[in-house]
Amino acid sequence: MTVKKHVLKDQFKKQVHNPIYDRMIKQVVKEQQHPIFIFTMFKTKNHYYAYLALNAGIDDTGTIYRYSKKEKRMSSIGQTSNDEHVVAIKEITR
């Protein structure tokens, strides 16, 4: 699979330019072989996250990822099942 030219927009339909989001998209395209998926990226105050659901509409199981700026890649931090929805992610800092 390859990344086609795309325009990212936020929840207010405003265009977003962010190299971290571009890296996240490229990682998913490189690692996934499923042509049908939902991929949602979002940023909290200090971190970037993504939600990936494969076989969208058939199976709503999904994986939540956290992007590491240091490693420049995403790592899985949890999964959802068909009847669960991600409502919030609370960041815990030490």
C-alpha atoms as a PDB file:
ATOM      1  CA  MET A   1       0.000   0.000   0.000  1.00  0.00           C
ATOM      2  CA  THR A   2       1.121   3.556  -0.603  1.00  0.00           C
ATOM      3  CA  VAL A   3       0.194   6.934   0.826  1.00  0.00           C
ATOM      4  CA  LYS A   4      -1.782   9.032  -1.604  1.00  0.00           C
ATOM      5  CA  LYS A   5      -1.737  12.806  -1.471  1.00  0.00           C
ATOM      6  CA  HIS A   6      -3.963  13.795   1.415  1.00  0.00           C
ATOM      7  CA  VAL A   7      -5.189  16.781   3.395  1.00  0.00           C
ATOM      8  CA  LEU A   8      -5.633  16.450   7.137  1.00  0.00           C
ATOM      9  CA  LYS A   9      -8.332  18.460   8.878  1.00  0.00           C
ATOM     10  CA  ASP A  10      -9.170  18.910  12.535  1.00  0.00           C
ATOM     11  CA  GLN A  11     -12.619  18.660  14.132  1.00  0.00           C
ATOM     12  CA  PHE A  12     -13.329  22.239  13.003  1.00  0.00           C
ATOM     13  CA  LYS A  13     -12.516  21.377   9.344  1.00  0.00           C
ATOM     14  CA  LYS A  14      -9.337  23.479   9.523  1.00  0.00           C
ATOM     15  CA  GLN A  15      -6.362  22.121   7.583  1.00  0.00           C
ATOM     16  CA  VAL A  16      -3.594  20.646   9.760  1.00  0.00           C
ATOM     17  CA  HIS A  17       0.100  20.485   8.813  1.00  0.00           C
ATOM     18  CA  ASN A  18       2.052  18.295  11.218  1.00  0.00           C
ATOM     19  CA  PRO A  19       5.105  16.143  10.377  1.00  0.00           C
ATOM     20  CA  ILE A  20       4.350  13.796  13.286  1.00  0.00           C
ATOM     21  CA  TYR A  21       0.934  12.969  11.834  1.00  0.00           C
ATOM     22  CA  ASP A  22       2.623  12.297   8.487  1.00  0.00           C
ATOM     23  CA  ARG A  23       5.026   9.835  10.170  1.00  0.00           C
ATOM     24  CA  MET A  24       2.124   8.115  11.924  1.00  0.00           C
ATOM     25  CA  ILE A  25       0.257   7.674   8.629  1.00  0.00           C
ATOM     26  CA  LYS A  26       3.332   6.298   6.873  1.00  0.00           C
ATOM     27  CA  GLN A  27       3.909   3.762   9.669  1.00  0.00           C
ATOM     28  CA  VAL A  28       0.330   2.461   9.444  1.00  0.00           C
ATOM     29  CA  VAL A  29       0.448   2.183   5.653  1.00  0.00           C
ATOM     30  CA  LYS A  30       3.787   0.375   5.824  1.00  0.00           C
ATOM     31  CA  GLU A  31       2.719  -2.120   8.510  1.00  0.00           C
ATOM     32  CA  GLN A  32      -0.926  -2.829   7.618  1.00  0.00           C
ATOM     33  CA  GLN A  33      -2.131  -5.013   4.786  1.00  0.00           C
ATOM     34  CA  HIS A  34      -5.860  -4.337   5.234  1.00  0.00           C
ATOM     35  CA  PRO A  35      -7.383  -2.012   2.648  1.00  0.00           C
ATOM     36  CA  ILE A  36     -10.351  -1.087   4.859  1.00  0.00           C
ATOM     37  CA  PHE A  37      -9.597   0.603   8.155  1.00  0.00           C
ATOM     38  CA  ILE A  38     -10.392   3.542  10.379  1.00  0.00           C
ATOM     39  CA  PHE A  39      -7.419   5.581  11.552  1.00  0.00           C
ATOM     40  CA  THR A  40      -7.971   8.510  13.891  1.00  0.00           C
ATOM     41  CA  MET A  41      -5.098  10.612  15.218  1.00  0.00           C
ATOM     42  CA  PHE A  42      -5.281  13.036  18.108  1.00  0.00           C
ATOM     43  CA  LYS A  43      -3.001  15.052  20.344  1.00  0.00           C
ATOM     44  CA  THR A  44      -3.244  15.782  24.035  1.00  0.00           C
ATOM     45  CA  LYS A  45      -1.185  18.449  25.749  1.00  0.00           C
ATOM     46  CA  ASN A  46       2.065  16.472  25.558  1.00  0.00           C
ATOM     47  CA  HIS A  47       1.483  13.330  23.493  1.00  0.00           C
ATOM     48  CA  TYR A  48       0.164  12.022  20.197  1.00  0.00           C
ATOM     49  CA  TYR A  49      -2.207   9.057  19.992  1.00  0.00           C
ATOM     50  CA  ALA A  50      -3.983   7.073  17.307  1.00  0.00           C
ATOM     51  CA  TYR A  51      -6.890   4.672  17.092  1.00  0.00           C
ATOM     52  CA  LEU A  52      -6.769   1.990  14.395  1.00  0.00           C
ATOM     53  CA  ALA A  53      -9.678  -0.323  13.578  1.00  0.00           C
ATOM     54  CA  LEU A  54      -9.151  -2.923  10.860  1.00  0.00           C
ATOM     55  CA  ASN A  55     -12.005  -4.380   8.797  1.00  0.00           C
ATOM     56  CA  ALA A  56     -14.114  -1.336   9.617  1.00  0.00           C
ATOM     57  CA  GLY A  57     -17.824  -2.068   9.593  1.00  0.00           C
ATOM     58  CA  ILE A  58     -17.279  -5.828   9.869  1.00  0.00           C
ATOM     59  CA  ASP A  59     -15.348  -6.034  13.122  1.00  0.00           C
ATOM     60  CA  ASP A  60     -15.087  -2.969  15.337  1.00  0.00           C
ATOM     61  CA  THR A  61     -12.140  -4.204  17.382  1.00  0.00           C
ATOM     62  CA  GLY A  62      -9.457  -1.517  17.522  1.00  0.00           C
ATOM     63  CA  THR A  63      -6.001  -0.725  18.858  1.00  0.00           C
ATOM     64  CA  ILE A  64      -4.889   2.450  20.615  1.00  0.00           C
ATOM     65  CA  TYR A  65      -1.342   3.640  19.927  1.00  0.00           C
ATOM     66  CA  ARG A  66       0.911   6.229  21.519  1.00  0.00           C
ATOM     67  CA  TYR A  67       3.518   7.974  19.368  1.00  0.00           C
ATOM     68  CA  SER A  68       7.034   8.285  20.769  1.00  0.00           C
ATOM     69  CA  LYS A  69       8.814  11.440  19.631  1.00  0.00           C
ATOM     70  CA  LYS A  70      12.106   9.914  20.770  1.00  0.00           C
ATOM     71  CA  GLU A  71      11.692   6.662  18.790  1.00  0.00           C
ATOM     72  CA  LYS A  72       9.659   8.338  16.020  1.00  0.00           C
ATOM     73  CA  ARG A  73       7.121   5.517  15.945  1.00  0.00           C
ATOM     74  CA  MET A  74       3.871   4.319  17.461  1.00  0.00           C
ATOM     75  CA  SER A  75       3.489   1.543  20.026  1.00  0.00           C
ATOM     76  CA  SER A  76       0.293  -0.205  21.053  1.00  0.00           C
ATOM     77  CA  ILE A  77      -1.005   0.777  24.504  1.00  0.00           C
ATOM     78  CA  GLY A  78      -4.376  -0.994  24.479  1.00  0.00           C
ATOM     79  CA  GLN A  79      -7.235  -2.605  22.596  1.00  0.00           C
ATOM     80  CA  THR A  80     -10.978  -2.147  22.387  1.00  0.00           C
ATOM     81  CA  SER A  81     -13.563  -4.812  21.657  1.00  0.00           C
ATOM     82  CA  ASN A  82     -16.762  -4.600  19.609  1.00  0.00           C
ATOM     83  CA  ASP A  83     -18.811  -3.157  22.449  1.00  0.00           C
ATOM     84  CA  GLU A  84     -16.231  -0.714  23.818  1.00  0.00           C
ATOM     85  CA  HIS A  85     -15.533   2.846  22.757  1.00  0.00           C
ATOM     86  CA  VAL A  86     -12.624   5.143  23.562  1.00  0.00           C
ATOM     87  CA  VAL A  87     -14.090   8.010  25.548  1.00  0.00           C
ATOM     88  CA  ALA A  88     -10.965   9.586  27.016  1.00  0.00           C
ATOM     89  CA  ILE A  89      -7.269   9.051  27.599  1.00  0.00           C
ATOM     90  CA  LYS A  90      -5.907  10.404  30.836  1.00  0.00           C
ATOM     91  CA  GLU A  91      -2.220  11.243  30.859  1.00  0.00           C
ATOM     92  CA  ILE A  92      -0.402  10.397  34.032  1.00  0.00           C
ATOM     93  CA  THR A  93       2.811  12.296  34.611  1.00  0.00           C
ATOM     94  CA  ARG A  94       5.310  11.660  37.333  1.00  0.00           C
END
